[in-house]
């Protein structure tokens, strides 16, 4: 199962949610596909909620414009 590191590329403040450049989460997925574009990015959104307590979907930042994805393992 591949491990991906997702990092915020730029700060954003939208809909009462603030994300900062450099915030990072790691997710393990069942597929080799980009976790941001797979299944609506739910595993990524869940990881940000679990680690930082923020709703990255509500902030409108659950896209490759704001997130950098690197396959770690």
PDB file of N, CA and C in Angstrom:
ATOM      1  N   UNK A   1       0.839  -1.174   0.000  1.00  0.00           N
ATOM      2  CA  UNK A   1       0.000   0.000   0.000  1.00  0.00           C
ATOM      3  C   UNK A   1       0.891   1.246   0.000  1.00  0.00           C
ATOM      4  N   UNK A   2       0.704   2.117  -0.984  1.00  0.00           N
ATOM      5  CA  UNK A   2       1.568   3.297  -1.094  1.00  0.00           C
ATOM      6  C   UNK A   2       1.252   4.372  -0.055  1.00  0.00           C
ATOM      7  N   UNK A   3       2.285   5.077   0.325  1.00  0.00           N
ATOM      8  CA  UNK A   3       2.184   6.187   1.276  1.00  0.00           C
ATOM      9  C   UNK A   3       2.418   7.483   0.511  1.00  0.00           C
ATOM     10  N   UNK A   4       1.523   8.449   0.706  1.00  0.00           N
ATOM     11  CA  UNK A   4       1.639   9.743   0.058  1.00  0.00           C
ATOM     12  C   UNK A   4       1.763  10.837   1.107  1.00  0.00           C
ATOM     13  N   UNK A   5       2.598  11.837   0.813  1.00  0.00           N
ATOM     14  CA  UNK A   5       2.695  13.033   1.664  1.00  0.00           C
ATOM     15  C   UNK A   5       2.059  14.179   0.889  1.00  0.00           C
ATOM     16  N   UNK A   6       1.061  14.826   1.501  1.00  0.00           N
ATOM     17  CA  UNK A   6       0.358  15.934   0.882  1.00  0.00           C
ATOM     18  C   UNK A   6       0.705  17.197   1.665  1.00  0.00           C
ATOM     19  N   UNK A   7       1.217  18.211   0.965  1.00  0.00           N
ATOM     20  CA  UNK A   7       1.677  19.447   1.593  1.00  0.00           C
ATOM     21  C   UNK A   7       0.974  20.641   0.950  1.00  0.00           C
ATOM     22  N   UNK A   8       0.578  21.594   1.776  1.00  0.00           N
ATOM     23  CA  UNK A   8      -0.068  22.818   1.289  1.00  0.00           C
ATOM     24  C   UNK A   8       0.996  23.703   0.637  1.00  0.00           C
ATOM     25  N   UNK A   9       0.741  24.149  -0.607  1.00  0.00           N
ATOM     26  CA  UNK A   9       1.690  24.963  -1.365  1.00  0.00           C
ATOM     27  C   UNK A   9       1.620  26.443  -1.004  1.00  0.00           C
ATOM     28  N   UNK A  10       0.401  26.947  -0.710  1.00  0.00           N
ATOM     29  CA  UNK A  10       0.237  28.367  -0.421  1.00  0.00           C
ATOM     30  C   UNK A  10      -0.853  28.568   0.613  1.00  0.00           C
ATOM     31  N   UNK A  11      -0.691  29.589   1.427  1.00  0.00           N
ATOM     32  CA  UNK A  11      -1.677  29.893   2.462  1.00  0.00           C
ATOM     33  C   UNK A  11      -2.972  30.374   1.831  1.00  0.00           C
ATOM     34  N   UNK A  12      -4.077  30.104   2.533  1.00  0.00           N
ATOM     35  CA  UNK A  12      -5.385  30.508   2.040  1.00  0.00           C
ATOM     36  C   UNK A  12      -6.321  30.685   3.226  1.00  0.00           C
ATOM     37  N   UNK A  13      -7.174  31.693   3.144  1.00  0.00           N
ATOM     38  CA  UNK A  13      -8.187  31.935   4.160  1.00  0.00           C
ATOM     39  C   UNK A  13      -9.517  32.059   3.430  1.00  0.00           C
ATOM     40  N   UNK A  14     -10.392  31.065   3.604  1.00  0.00           N
ATOM     41  CA  UNK A  14     -11.659  31.042   2.876  1.00  0.00           C
ATOM     42  C   UNK A  14     -12.721  30.355   3.713  1.00  0.00           C
ATOM     43  N   UNK A  15     -13.933  30.905   3.707  1.00  0.00           N
ATOM     44  CA  UNK A  15     -15.069  30.332   4.428  1.00  0.00           C
ATOM     45  C   UNK A  15     -14.764  30.094   5.904  1.00  0.00           C
ATOM     46  N   UNK A  16     -13.968  30.962   6.489  1.00  0.00           N
ATOM     47  CA  UNK A  16     -13.649  30.847   7.907  1.00  0.00           C
ATOM     48  C   UNK A  16     -12.607  29.797   8.234  1.00  0.00           C
ATOM     49  N   UNK A  17     -11.978  29.233   7.210  1.00  0.00           N
ATOM     50  CA  UNK A  17     -10.954  28.205   7.412  1.00  0.00           C
ATOM     51  C   UNK A  17      -9.623  28.747   6.900  1.00  0.00           C
ATOM     52  N   UNK A  18      -8.599  28.642   7.722  1.00  0.00           N
ATOM     53  CA  UNK A  18      -7.265  29.120   7.341  1.00  0.00           C
ATOM     54  C   UNK A  18      -6.330  27.936   7.197  1.00  0.00           C
ATOM     55  N   UNK A  19      -5.682  27.851   6.044  1.00  0.00           N
ATOM     56  CA  UNK A  19      -4.641  26.845   5.852  1.00  0.00           C
ATOM     57  C   UNK A  19      -3.331  27.593   5.630  1.00  0.00           C
ATOM     58  N   UNK A  20      -2.257  27.023   6.113  1.00  0.00           N
ATOM     59  CA  UNK A  20      -0.935  27.656   6.032  1.00  0.00           C
ATOM     60  C   UNK A  20      -0.013  26.845   5.137  1.00  0.00           C
ATOM     61  N   UNK A  21       0.813  27.550   4.382  1.00  0.00           N
ATOM     62  CA  UNK A  21       1.823  26.900   3.560  1.00  0.00           C
ATOM     63  C   UNK A  21       2.695  26.020   4.444  1.00  0.00           C
ATOM     64  N   UNK A  22       2.933  24.792   4.003  1.00  0.00           N
ATOM     65  CA  UNK A  22       3.788  23.873   4.748  1.00  0.00           C
ATOM     66  C   UNK A  22       3.030  22.858   5.581  1.00  0.00           C
ATOM     67  N   UNK A  23       1.728  23.089   5.828  1.00  0.00           N
ATOM     68  CA  UNK A  23       0.941  22.063   6.534  1.00  0.00           C
ATOM     69  C   UNK A  23       1.039  20.777   5.720  1.00  0.00           C
ATOM     70  N   UNK A  24       1.216  19.653   6.407  1.00  0.00           N
ATOM     71  CA  UNK A  24       1.457  18.406   5.707  1.00  0.00           C
ATOM     72  C   UNK A  24       0.778  17.244   6.416  1.00  0.00           C
ATOM     73  N   UNK A  25       0.250  16.311   5.626  1.00  0.00           N
ATOM     74  CA  UNK A  25      -0.313  15.071   6.162  1.00  0.00           C
ATOM     75  C   UNK A  25       0.211  13.915   5.333  1.00  0.00           C
ATOM     76  N   UNK A  26       0.177  12.732   5.917  1.00  0.00           N
ATOM     77  CA  UNK A  26       0.533  11.524   5.190  1.00  0.00           C
ATOM     78  C   UNK A  26      -0.660  10.588   5.195  1.00  0.00           C
ATOM     79  N   UNK A  27      -0.932   9.992   4.030  1.00  0.00           N
ATOM     80  CA  UNK A  27      -2.053   9.063   3.913  1.00  0.00           C
ATOM     81  C   UNK A  27      -1.589   7.785   3.223  1.00  0.00           C
ATOM     82  N   UNK A  28      -2.158   6.681   3.640  1.00  0.00           N
ATOM     83  CA  UNK A  28      -1.929   5.385   3.009  1.00  0.00           C
ATOM     84  C   UNK A  28      -3.172   5.065   2.201  1.00  0.00           C
ATOM     85  N   UNK A  29      -2.986   4.656   0.948  1.00  0.00           N
ATOM     86  CA  UNK A  29      -4.130   4.373   0.085  1.00  0.00           C
ATOM     87  C   UNK A  29      -4.071   2.941  -0.438  1.00  0.00           C
ATOM     88  N   UNK A  30      -5.187   2.500  -0.955  1.00  0.00           N
ATOM     89  CA  UNK A  30      -5.280   1.173  -1.559  1.00  0.00           C
ATOM     90  C   UNK A  30      -4.791   1.182  -3.003  1.00  0.00           C
ATOM     91  N   UNK A  31      -4.819   2.366  -3.635  1.00  0.00           N
ATOM     92  CA  UNK A  31      -4.446   2.434  -5.049  1.00  0.00           C
ATOM     93  C   UNK A  31      -3.177   3.255  -5.234  1.00  0.00           C
ATOM     94  N   UNK A  32      -2.636   3.186  -6.424  1.00  0.00           N
ATOM     95  CA  UNK A  32      -1.433   3.937  -6.760  1.00  0.00           C
ATOM     96  C   UNK A  32      -1.773   5.347  -7.246  1.00  0.00           C
ATOM     97  N   UNK A  33      -3.060   5.658  -7.346  1.00  0.00           N
ATOM     98  CA  UNK A  33      -3.510   6.940  -7.889  1.00  0.00           C
ATOM     99  C   UNK A  33      -3.341   8.070  -6.884  1.00  0.00           C
ATOM    100  N   UNK A  34      -3.320   9.276  -7.393  1.00  0.00           N
ATOM    101  CA  UNK A  34      -3.223  10.486  -6.590  1.00  0.00           C
ATOM    102  C   UNK A  34      -4.403  10.549  -5.608  1.00  0.00           C
ATOM    103  N   UNK A  35      -4.163  10.591  -4.301  1.00  0.00           N
ATOM    104  CA  UNK A  35      -5.258  10.575  -3.323  1.00  0.00           C
ATOM    105  C   UNK A  35      -6.097  11.848  -3.317  1.00  0.00           C
ATOM    106  N   UNK A  36      -5.591  12.939  -3.871  1.00  0.00           N
ATOM    107  CA  UNK A  36      -6.371  14.183  -3.928  1.00  0.00           C
ATOM    108  C   UNK A  36      -7.483  14.056  -4.964  1.00  0.00           C
ATOM    109  N   UNK A  37      -7.209  13.359  -6.060  1.00  0.00           N
ATOM    110  CA  UNK A  37      -8.202  13.231  -7.120  1.00  0.00           C
ATOM    111  C   UNK A  37      -8.991  11.924  -7.054  1.00  0.00           C
ATOM    112  N   UNK A  38      -8.612  11.011  -6.186  1.00  0.00           N
ATOM    113  CA  UNK A  38      -9.309   9.739  -6.048  1.00  0.00           C
ATOM    114  C   UNK A  38     -10.390   9.839  -4.973  1.00  0.00           C
ATOM    115  N   UNK A  39     -11.593   9.385  -5.304  1.00  0.00           N
ATOM    116  CA  UNK A  39     -12.710   9.345  -4.348  1.00  0.00           C
ATOM    117  C   UNK A  39     -12.994  10.720  -3.743  1.00  0.00           C
ATOM    118  N   UNK A  40     -12.867  11.758  -4.550  1.00  0.00           N
ATOM    119  CA  UNK A  40     -13.146  13.111  -4.083  1.00  0.00           C
ATOM    120  C   UNK A  40     -12.162  13.621  -3.050  1.00  0.00           C
ATOM    121  N   UNK A  41     -11.029  12.962  -2.912  1.00  0.00           N
ATOM    122  CA  UNK A  41     -10.011  13.394  -1.960  1.00  0.00           C
ATOM    123  C   UNK A  41     -10.395  13.179  -0.504  1.00  0.00           C
ATOM    124  N   UNK A  42     -11.324  12.284  -0.253  1.00  0.00           N
ATOM    125  CA  UNK A  42     -11.851  12.099   1.108  1.00  0.00           C
ATOM    126  C   UNK A  42     -10.783  11.683   2.110  1.00  0.00           C
ATOM    127  N   UNK A  43      -9.848  10.818   1.718  1.00  0.00           N
ATOM    128  CA  UNK A  43      -8.813  10.403   2.673  1.00  0.00           C
ATOM    129  C   UNK A  43      -7.919  11.582   3.055  1.00  0.00           C
ATOM    130  N   UNK A  44      -7.686  12.483   2.113  1.00  0.00           N
ATOM    131  CA  UNK A  44      -6.879  13.675   2.386  1.00  0.00           C
ATOM    132  C   UNK A  44      -7.645  14.618   3.309  1.00  0.00           C
ATOM    133  N   UNK A  45      -8.919  14.843   3.007  1.00  0.00           N
ATOM    134  CA  UNK A  45      -9.760  15.709   3.850  1.00  0.00           C
ATOM    135  C   UNK A  45      -9.842  15.159   5.270  1.00  0.00           C
ATOM    136  N   UNK A  46     -10.003  13.847   5.398  1.00  0.00           N
ATOM    137  CA  UNK A  46     -10.061  13.221   6.722  1.00  0.00           C
ATOM    138  C   UNK A  46      -8.749  13.400   7.481  1.00  0.00           C
ATOM    139  N   UNK A  47      -7.629  13.281   6.779  1.00  0.00           N
ATOM    140  CA  UNK A  47      -6.321  13.433   7.423  1.00  0.00           C
ATOM    141  C   UNK A  47      -6.112  14.860   7.929  1.00  0.00           C
ATOM    142  N   UNK A  48      -6.507  15.860   7.148  1.00  0.00           N
ATOM    143  CA  UNK A  48      -6.384  17.248   7.598  1.00  0.00           C
ATOM    144  C   UNK A  48      -7.300  17.517   8.789  1.00  0.00           C
ATOM    145  N   UNK A  49      -8.488  16.933   8.776  1.00  0.00           N
ATOM    146  CA  UNK A  49      -9.411  17.108   9.903  1.00  0.00           C
ATOM    147  C   UNK A  49      -8.848  16.449  11.156  1.00  0.00           C
ATOM    148  N   UNK A  50      -8.299  15.254  10.996  1.00  0.00           N
ATOM    149  CA  UNK A  50      -7.760  14.510  12.133  1.00  0.00           C
ATOM    150  C   UNK A  50      -6.531  15.204  12.739  1.00  0.00           C
ATOM    151  N   UNK A  51      -5.640  15.704  11.894  1.00  0.00           N
ATOM    152  CA  UNK A  51      -4.385  16.268  12.369  1.00  0.00           C
ATOM    153  C   UNK A  51      -4.496  17.731  12.785  1.00  0.00           C
ATOM    154  N   UNK A  52      -5.206  18.532  11.993  1.00  0.00           N
ATOM    155  CA  UNK A  52      -5.257  19.975  12.237  1.00  0.00           C
ATOM    156  C   UNK A  52      -6.630  20.479  12.680  1.00  0.00           C
ATOM    157  N   UNK A  53      -7.654  19.648  12.545  1.00  0.00           N
ATOM    158  CA  UNK A  53      -9.005  20.077  12.905  1.00  0.00           C
ATOM    159  C   UNK A  53      -9.585  21.079  11.922  1.00  0.00           C
ATOM    160  N   UNK A  54      -9.129  21.026  10.666  1.00  0.00           N
ATOM    161  CA  UNK A  54      -9.659  21.942   9.654  1.00  0.00           C
ATOM    162  C   UNK A  54     -10.341  21.164   8.534  1.00  0.00           C
ATOM    163  N   UNK A  55     -11.350  21.791   7.948  1.00  0.00           N
ATOM    164  CA  UNK A  55     -12.080  21.200   6.834  1.00  0.00           C
ATOM    165  C   UNK A  55     -11.523  21.787   5.545  1.00  0.00           C
ATOM    166  N   UNK A  56     -10.603  21.068   4.931  1.00  0.00           N
ATOM    167  CA  UNK A  56      -9.937  21.577   3.740  1.00  0.00           C
ATOM    168  C   UNK A  56     -10.890  21.672   2.554  1.00  0.00           C
ATOM    169  N   UNK A  57     -11.952  20.855   2.553  1.00  0.00           N
ATOM    170  CA  UNK A  57     -12.973  20.961   1.501  1.00  0.00           C
ATOM    171  C   UNK A  57     -13.725  22.282   1.633  1.00  0.00           C
ATOM    172  N   UNK A  58     -14.100  22.634   2.856  1.00  0.00           N
ATOM    173  CA  UNK A  58     -14.816  23.879   3.102  1.00  0.00           C
ATOM    174  C   UNK A  58     -13.970  25.087   2.695  1.00  0.00           C
ATOM    175  N   UNK A  59     -12.674  24.982   2.861  1.00  0.00           N
ATOM    176  CA  UNK A  59     -11.756  26.056   2.480  1.00  0.00           C
ATOM    177  C   UNK A  59     -11.582  26.142   0.961  1.00  0.00           C
ATOM    178  N   UNK A  60     -12.071  25.139   0.244  1.00  0.00           N
ATOM    179  CA  UNK A  60     -11.927  25.124  -1.207  1.00  0.00           C
ATOM    180  C   UNK A  60     -10.504  24.854  -1.654  1.00  0.00           C
ATOM    181  N   UNK A  61      -9.746  24.172  -0.817  1.00  0.00           N
ATOM    182  CA  UNK A  61      -8.326  23.943  -1.108  1.00  0.00           C
ATOM    183  C   UNK A  61      -8.002  22.480  -1.393  1.00  0.00           C
ATOM    184  N   UNK A  62      -9.017  21.671  -1.619  1.00  0.00           N
ATOM    185  CA  UNK A  62      -8.768  20.259  -1.899  1.00  0.00           C
ATOM    186  C   UNK A  62      -8.567  20.079  -3.405  1.00  0.00           C
ATOM    187  N   UNK A  63      -7.462  20.636  -3.906  1.00  0.00           N
ATOM    188  CA  UNK A  63      -7.130  20.527  -5.325  1.00  0.00           C
ATOM    189  C   UNK A  63      -5.619  20.617  -5.483  1.00  0.00           C
ATOM    190  N   UNK A  64      -5.170  20.259  -6.650  1.00  0.00           N
ATOM    191  CA  UNK A  64      -3.733  20.273  -6.925  1.00  0.00           C
ATOM    192  C   UNK A  64      -3.189  21.699  -7.033  1.00  0.00           C
ATOM    193  N   UNK A  65      -4.066  22.689  -7.126  1.00  0.00           N
ATOM    194  CA  UNK A  65      -3.631  24.086  -7.133  1.00  0.00           C
ATOM    195  C   UNK A  65      -3.002  24.437  -5.788  1.00  0.00           C
ATOM    196  N   UNK A  66      -3.583  23.925  -4.705  1.00  0.00           N
ATOM    197  CA  UNK A  66      -3.136  24.248  -3.354  1.00  0.00           C
ATOM    198  C   UNK A  66      -2.292  23.156  -2.703  1.00  0.00           C
ATOM    199  N   UNK A  67      -2.341  21.938  -3.237  1.00  0.00           N
ATOM    200  CA  UNK A  67      -1.688  20.809  -2.595  1.00  0.00           C
ATOM    201  C   UNK A  67      -0.626  20.180  -3.477  1.00  0.00           C
ATOM    202  N   UNK A  68       0.476  19.806  -2.863  1.00  0.00           N
ATOM    203  CA  UNK A  68       1.550  19.090  -3.540  1.00  0.00           C
ATOM    204  C   UNK A  68       1.536  17.649  -3.035  1.00  0.00           C
ATOM    205  N   UNK A  69       1.533  16.700  -3.952  1.00  0.00           N
ATOM    206  CA  UNK A  69       1.461  15.284  -3.585  1.00  0.00           C
ATOM    207  C   UNK A  69       2.759  14.590  -3.979  1.00  0.00           C
ATOM    208  N   UNK A  70       3.356  13.896  -3.002  1.00  0.00           N
ATOM    209  CA  UNK A  70       4.586  13.148  -3.252  1.00  0.00           C
ATOM    210  C   UNK A  70       4.384  11.722  -2.748  1.00  0.00           C
ATOM    211  N   UNK A  71       4.718  10.762  -3.591  1.00  0.00           N
ATOM    212  CA  UNK A  71       4.650   9.354  -3.180  1.00  0.00           C
ATOM    213  C   UNK A  71       5.908   9.042  -2.374  1.00  0.00           C
ATOM    214  N   UNK A  72       5.707   8.594  -1.127  1.00  0.00           N
ATOM    215  CA  UNK A  72       6.826   8.325  -0.227  1.00  0.00           C
ATOM    216  C   UNK A  72       7.216   6.856  -0.283  1.00  0.00           C
ATOM    217  N   UNK A  73       6.239   5.988  -0.237  1.00  0.00           N
ATOM    218  CA  UNK A  73       6.565   4.557  -0.208  1.00  0.00           C
ATOM    219  C   UNK A  73       5.679   3.734  -1.059  1.00  0.00           C
TER     220      UNK A  73
END
